[in-house]
Amino acid sequence: MRIFGSSETVELLPVNDSVAIDAKRILLRYGAPISVLDAVSQTHRIEFAREVAKTALPERQARLRELLIENDYIVIEGDD
């Protein structure tokens, strides 16, 4: 894994179960549907929860929805 312009590689450590559980709770709190969340990988759950936590409180639900759409966990059908 590369970190923002760094040429060094970083070893990913195993995820602590409590971190994964907290991430899932955060995503549920801010509106992730359970059926969608079941399809989200554990790595993405943690990544999304961290991103949502850094977002201003009134914007968290919208930001989570953006993340789920950007990563194809939610598909918006267009008016063809």
N, C-alpha and C. Protein backbone atom coordinates (compact mmCIF):
# COMPACT_ATOMS: atom_id res chain seq x y z
N MET A 1 0.84 -1.17 0.00
CA MET A 1 0.00 0.00 0.00
C MET A 1 0.88 1.23 0.00
N ARG A 2 0.52 2.24 -0.79
CA ARG A 2 1.30 3.48 -0.82
C ARG A 2 0.53 4.58 -0.10
N ILE A 3 1.26 5.44 0.52
CA ILE A 3 0.65 6.55 1.24
C ILE A 3 0.99 7.84 0.53
N PHE A 4 -0.01 8.52 0.03
CA PHE A 4 0.04 9.85 -0.56
C PHE A 4 1.42 10.33 -0.99
N GLY A 5 1.88 9.85 -2.10
CA GLY A 5 3.13 10.33 -2.68
C GLY A 5 4.38 9.71 -2.08
N SER A 6 4.24 8.89 -1.09
CA SER A 6 5.39 8.25 -0.48
C SER A 6 5.81 7.05 -1.31
N SER A 7 7.09 6.83 -1.40
CA SER A 7 7.57 5.66 -2.14
C SER A 7 7.69 4.45 -1.24
N GLU A 8 7.46 4.63 0.06
CA GLU A 8 7.54 3.52 1.00
C GLU A 8 6.25 2.71 0.97
N THR A 9 6.35 1.42 1.19
CA THR A 9 5.15 0.60 1.32
C THR A 9 4.84 0.42 2.79
N VAL A 10 3.57 0.26 3.08
CA VAL A 10 3.13 0.12 4.46
C VAL A 10 2.47 -1.23 4.61
N GLU A 11 2.83 -1.95 5.64
CA GLU A 11 2.24 -3.25 5.93
C GLU A 11 0.91 -3.01 6.63
N LEU A 12 -0.16 -3.62 6.11
CA LEU A 12 -1.46 -3.49 6.75
C LEU A 12 -1.54 -4.45 7.93
N LEU A 13 -1.99 -3.94 9.06
CA LEU A 13 -2.12 -4.75 10.26
C LEU A 13 -3.51 -5.33 10.34
N PRO A 14 -3.68 -6.46 11.01
CA PRO A 14 -5.03 -7.01 11.17
C PRO A 14 -5.92 -6.02 11.91
N VAL A 15 -7.18 -5.98 11.53
CA VAL A 15 -8.12 -5.04 12.13
C VAL A 15 -8.64 -5.61 13.45
N ASN A 16 -8.61 -4.79 14.47
CA ASN A 16 -9.17 -5.15 15.77
C ASN A 16 -10.69 -5.24 15.61
N ASP A 17 -11.31 -6.27 16.17
CA ASP A 17 -12.75 -6.45 16.03
C ASP A 17 -13.54 -5.26 16.57
N SER A 18 -13.08 -4.64 17.64
CA SER A 18 -13.82 -3.51 18.20
C SER A 18 -13.82 -2.32 17.25
N VAL A 19 -12.75 -2.16 16.48
CA VAL A 19 -12.69 -1.08 15.49
C VAL A 19 -13.73 -1.34 14.40
N ALA A 20 -13.80 -2.57 13.94
CA ALA A 20 -14.76 -2.94 12.90
C ALA A 20 -16.20 -2.78 13.39
N ILE A 21 -16.45 -3.15 14.62
CA ILE A 21 -17.80 -3.02 15.20
C ILE A 21 -18.17 -1.55 15.34
N ASP A 22 -17.25 -0.73 15.84
CA ASP A 22 -17.51 0.70 15.98
C ASP A 22 -17.75 1.35 14.62
N ALA A 23 -17.00 0.94 13.62
CA ALA A 23 -17.18 1.49 12.27
C ALA A 23 -18.58 1.17 11.76
N LYS A 24 -19.02 -0.05 11.97
CA LYS A 24 -20.36 -0.44 11.52
C LYS A 24 -21.43 0.37 12.25
N ARG A 25 -21.26 0.58 13.54
CA ARG A 25 -22.22 1.39 14.31
C ARG A 25 -22.29 2.82 13.79
N ILE A 26 -21.13 3.40 13.48
CA ILE A 26 -21.10 4.77 12.95
C ILE A 26 -21.85 4.84 11.63
N LEU A 27 -21.60 3.89 10.75
CA LEU A 27 -22.25 3.91 9.44
C LEU A 27 -23.76 3.71 9.57
N LEU A 28 -24.18 2.84 10.47
CA LEU A 28 -25.61 2.67 10.70
C LEU A 28 -26.24 3.94 11.27
N ARG A 29 -25.53 4.57 12.20
CA ARG A 29 -26.04 5.80 12.82
C ARG A 29 -26.29 6.89 11.78
N TYR A 30 -25.44 6.95 10.76
CA TYR A 30 -25.58 8.01 9.76
C TYR A 30 -26.28 7.54 8.49
N GLY A 31 -27.06 6.48 8.60
CA GLY A 31 -28.01 6.17 7.55
C GLY A 31 -27.65 5.10 6.54
N ALA A 32 -26.60 4.35 6.76
CA ALA A 32 -26.29 3.27 5.81
C ALA A 32 -27.35 2.17 5.98
N PRO A 33 -28.04 1.81 4.91
CA PRO A 33 -29.02 0.73 5.02
C PRO A 33 -28.31 -0.59 5.37
N ILE A 34 -28.94 -1.39 6.21
CA ILE A 34 -28.33 -2.65 6.63
C ILE A 34 -28.04 -3.54 5.42
N SER A 35 -28.96 -3.57 4.47
CA SER A 35 -28.76 -4.43 3.29
C SER A 35 -27.55 -3.99 2.48
N VAL A 36 -27.29 -2.70 2.44
CA VAL A 36 -26.11 -2.18 1.74
C VAL A 36 -24.86 -2.44 2.57
N LEU A 37 -24.95 -2.18 3.86
CA LEU A 37 -23.79 -2.33 4.73
C LEU A 37 -23.28 -3.77 4.77
N ASP A 38 -24.17 -4.73 4.61
CA ASP A 38 -23.75 -6.14 4.57
C ASP A 38 -22.82 -6.41 3.40
N ALA A 39 -22.95 -5.63 2.32
CA ALA A 39 -22.11 -5.82 1.13
C ALA A 39 -20.80 -5.04 1.20
N VAL A 40 -20.69 -4.09 2.13
CA VAL A 40 -19.49 -3.25 2.23
C VAL A 40 -18.38 -4.03 2.93
N SER A 41 -17.20 -4.03 2.33
CA SER A 41 -16.07 -4.75 2.93
C SER A 41 -15.69 -4.11 4.26
N GLN A 42 -15.07 -4.89 5.11
CA GLN A 42 -14.66 -4.40 6.43
C GLN A 42 -13.68 -3.23 6.28
N THR A 43 -12.79 -3.33 5.32
CA THR A 43 -11.82 -2.25 5.08
C THR A 43 -12.54 -0.96 4.69
N HIS A 44 -13.52 -1.07 3.79
CA HIS A 44 -14.28 0.11 3.40
C HIS A 44 -15.11 0.66 4.55
N ARG A 45 -15.68 -0.22 5.37
CA ARG A 45 -16.46 0.25 6.51
C ARG A 45 -15.61 1.16 7.40
N ILE A 46 -14.41 0.71 7.69
CA ILE A 46 -13.52 1.48 8.56
C ILE A 46 -13.10 2.78 7.87
N GLU A 47 -12.76 2.69 6.60
CA GLU A 47 -12.37 3.88 5.83
C GLU A 47 -13.52 4.89 5.79
N PHE A 48 -14.73 4.43 5.51
CA PHE A 48 -15.89 5.33 5.44
C PHE A 48 -16.19 5.94 6.81
N ALA A 49 -16.11 5.14 7.86
CA ALA A 49 -16.39 5.65 9.21
C ALA A 49 -15.40 6.74 9.59
N ARG A 50 -14.14 6.55 9.24
CA ARG A 50 -13.13 7.57 9.54
C ARG A 50 -13.41 8.86 8.77
N GLU A 51 -13.79 8.71 7.51
CA GLU A 51 -14.11 9.88 6.69
C GLU A 51 -15.34 10.61 7.24
N VAL A 52 -16.36 9.86 7.61
CA VAL A 52 -17.59 10.45 8.16
C VAL A 52 -17.27 11.17 9.48
N ALA A 53 -16.44 10.58 10.31
CA ALA A 53 -16.09 11.20 11.59
C ALA A 53 -15.36 12.53 11.42
N LYS A 54 -14.66 12.70 10.31
CA LYS A 54 -13.94 13.95 10.04
C LYS A 54 -14.84 15.02 9.41
N THR A 55 -16.05 14.63 9.04
CA THR A 55 -16.98 15.52 8.37
C THR A 55 -17.82 16.27 9.41
N ALA A 56 -18.17 17.51 9.10
CA ALA A 56 -19.02 18.31 10.00
C ALA A 56 -20.33 17.56 10.25
N LEU A 57 -20.81 17.62 11.47
CA LEU A 57 -21.98 16.85 11.90
C LEU A 57 -23.18 16.98 10.96
N PRO A 58 -23.59 18.17 10.55
CA PRO A 58 -24.78 18.26 9.69
C PRO A 58 -24.58 17.63 8.30
N GLU A 59 -23.34 17.40 7.91
CA GLU A 59 -23.06 16.89 6.57
C GLU A 59 -22.71 15.40 6.54
N ARG A 60 -22.71 14.75 7.68
CA ARG A 60 -22.25 13.36 7.75
C ARG A 60 -23.11 12.38 6.97
N GLN A 61 -24.42 12.50 7.07
CA GLN A 61 -25.29 11.57 6.37
C GLN A 61 -25.10 11.70 4.85
N ALA A 62 -25.03 12.93 4.36
CA ALA A 62 -24.83 13.16 2.93
C ALA A 62 -23.47 12.65 2.47
N ARG A 63 -22.43 12.85 3.29
CA ARG A 63 -21.09 12.40 2.93
C ARG A 63 -21.04 10.87 2.85
N LEU A 64 -21.69 10.20 3.80
CA LEU A 64 -21.73 8.74 3.78
C LEU A 64 -22.41 8.25 2.51
N ARG A 65 -23.51 8.88 2.17
CA ARG A 65 -24.22 8.49 0.94
C ARG A 65 -23.31 8.68 -0.29
N GLU A 66 -22.58 9.79 -0.32
CA GLU A 66 -21.63 10.04 -1.43
C GLU A 66 -20.60 8.92 -1.51
N LEU A 67 -20.04 8.53 -0.38
CA LEU A 67 -19.03 7.47 -0.35
C LEU A 67 -19.60 6.14 -0.85
N LEU A 68 -20.81 5.82 -0.42
CA LEU A 68 -21.44 4.58 -0.85
C LEU A 68 -21.72 4.59 -2.36
N ILE A 69 -22.12 5.74 -2.88
CA ILE A 69 -22.38 5.86 -4.31
C ILE A 69 -21.07 5.82 -5.10
N GLU A 70 -20.06 6.57 -4.64
CA GLU A 70 -18.76 6.61 -5.33
C GLU A 70 -18.13 5.22 -5.44
N ASN A 71 -18.36 4.38 -4.46
CA ASN A 71 -17.76 3.05 -4.43
C ASN A 71 -18.72 1.95 -4.90
N ASP A 72 -19.79 2.37 -5.56
CA ASP A 72 -20.77 1.46 -6.19
C ASP A 72 -21.49 0.52 -5.22
N TYR A 73 -21.63 0.92 -3.97
CA TYR A 73 -22.44 0.13 -3.05
C TYR A 73 -23.91 0.53 -3.17
N ILE A 74 -24.15 1.77 -3.62
CA ILE A 74 -25.50 2.24 -3.94
C ILE A 74 -25.45 2.72 -5.39
N VAL A 75 -26.38 2.24 -6.17
CA VAL A 75 -26.44 2.64 -7.59
C VAL A 75 -27.68 3.48 -7.80
N ILE A 76 -27.49 4.67 -8.33
CA ILE A 76 -28.59 5.57 -8.64
C ILE A 76 -28.94 5.38 -10.11
N GLU A 77 -30.20 5.02 -10.35
CA GLU A 77 -30.63 4.83 -11.72
C GLU A 77 -31.01 6.19 -12.32
N GLY A 78 -30.51 6.46 -13.51
CA GLY A 78 -30.76 7.74 -14.17
C GLY A 78 -32.04 7.73 -14.97
N ASP A 79 -32.41 8.92 -15.42
CA ASP A 79 -33.60 9.09 -16.27
C ASP A 79 -33.17 8.92 -17.71
N ASP A 80 -33.13 7.70 -18.22
CA ASP A 80 -32.64 7.47 -19.58
C ASP A 80 -33.62 7.93 -20.61
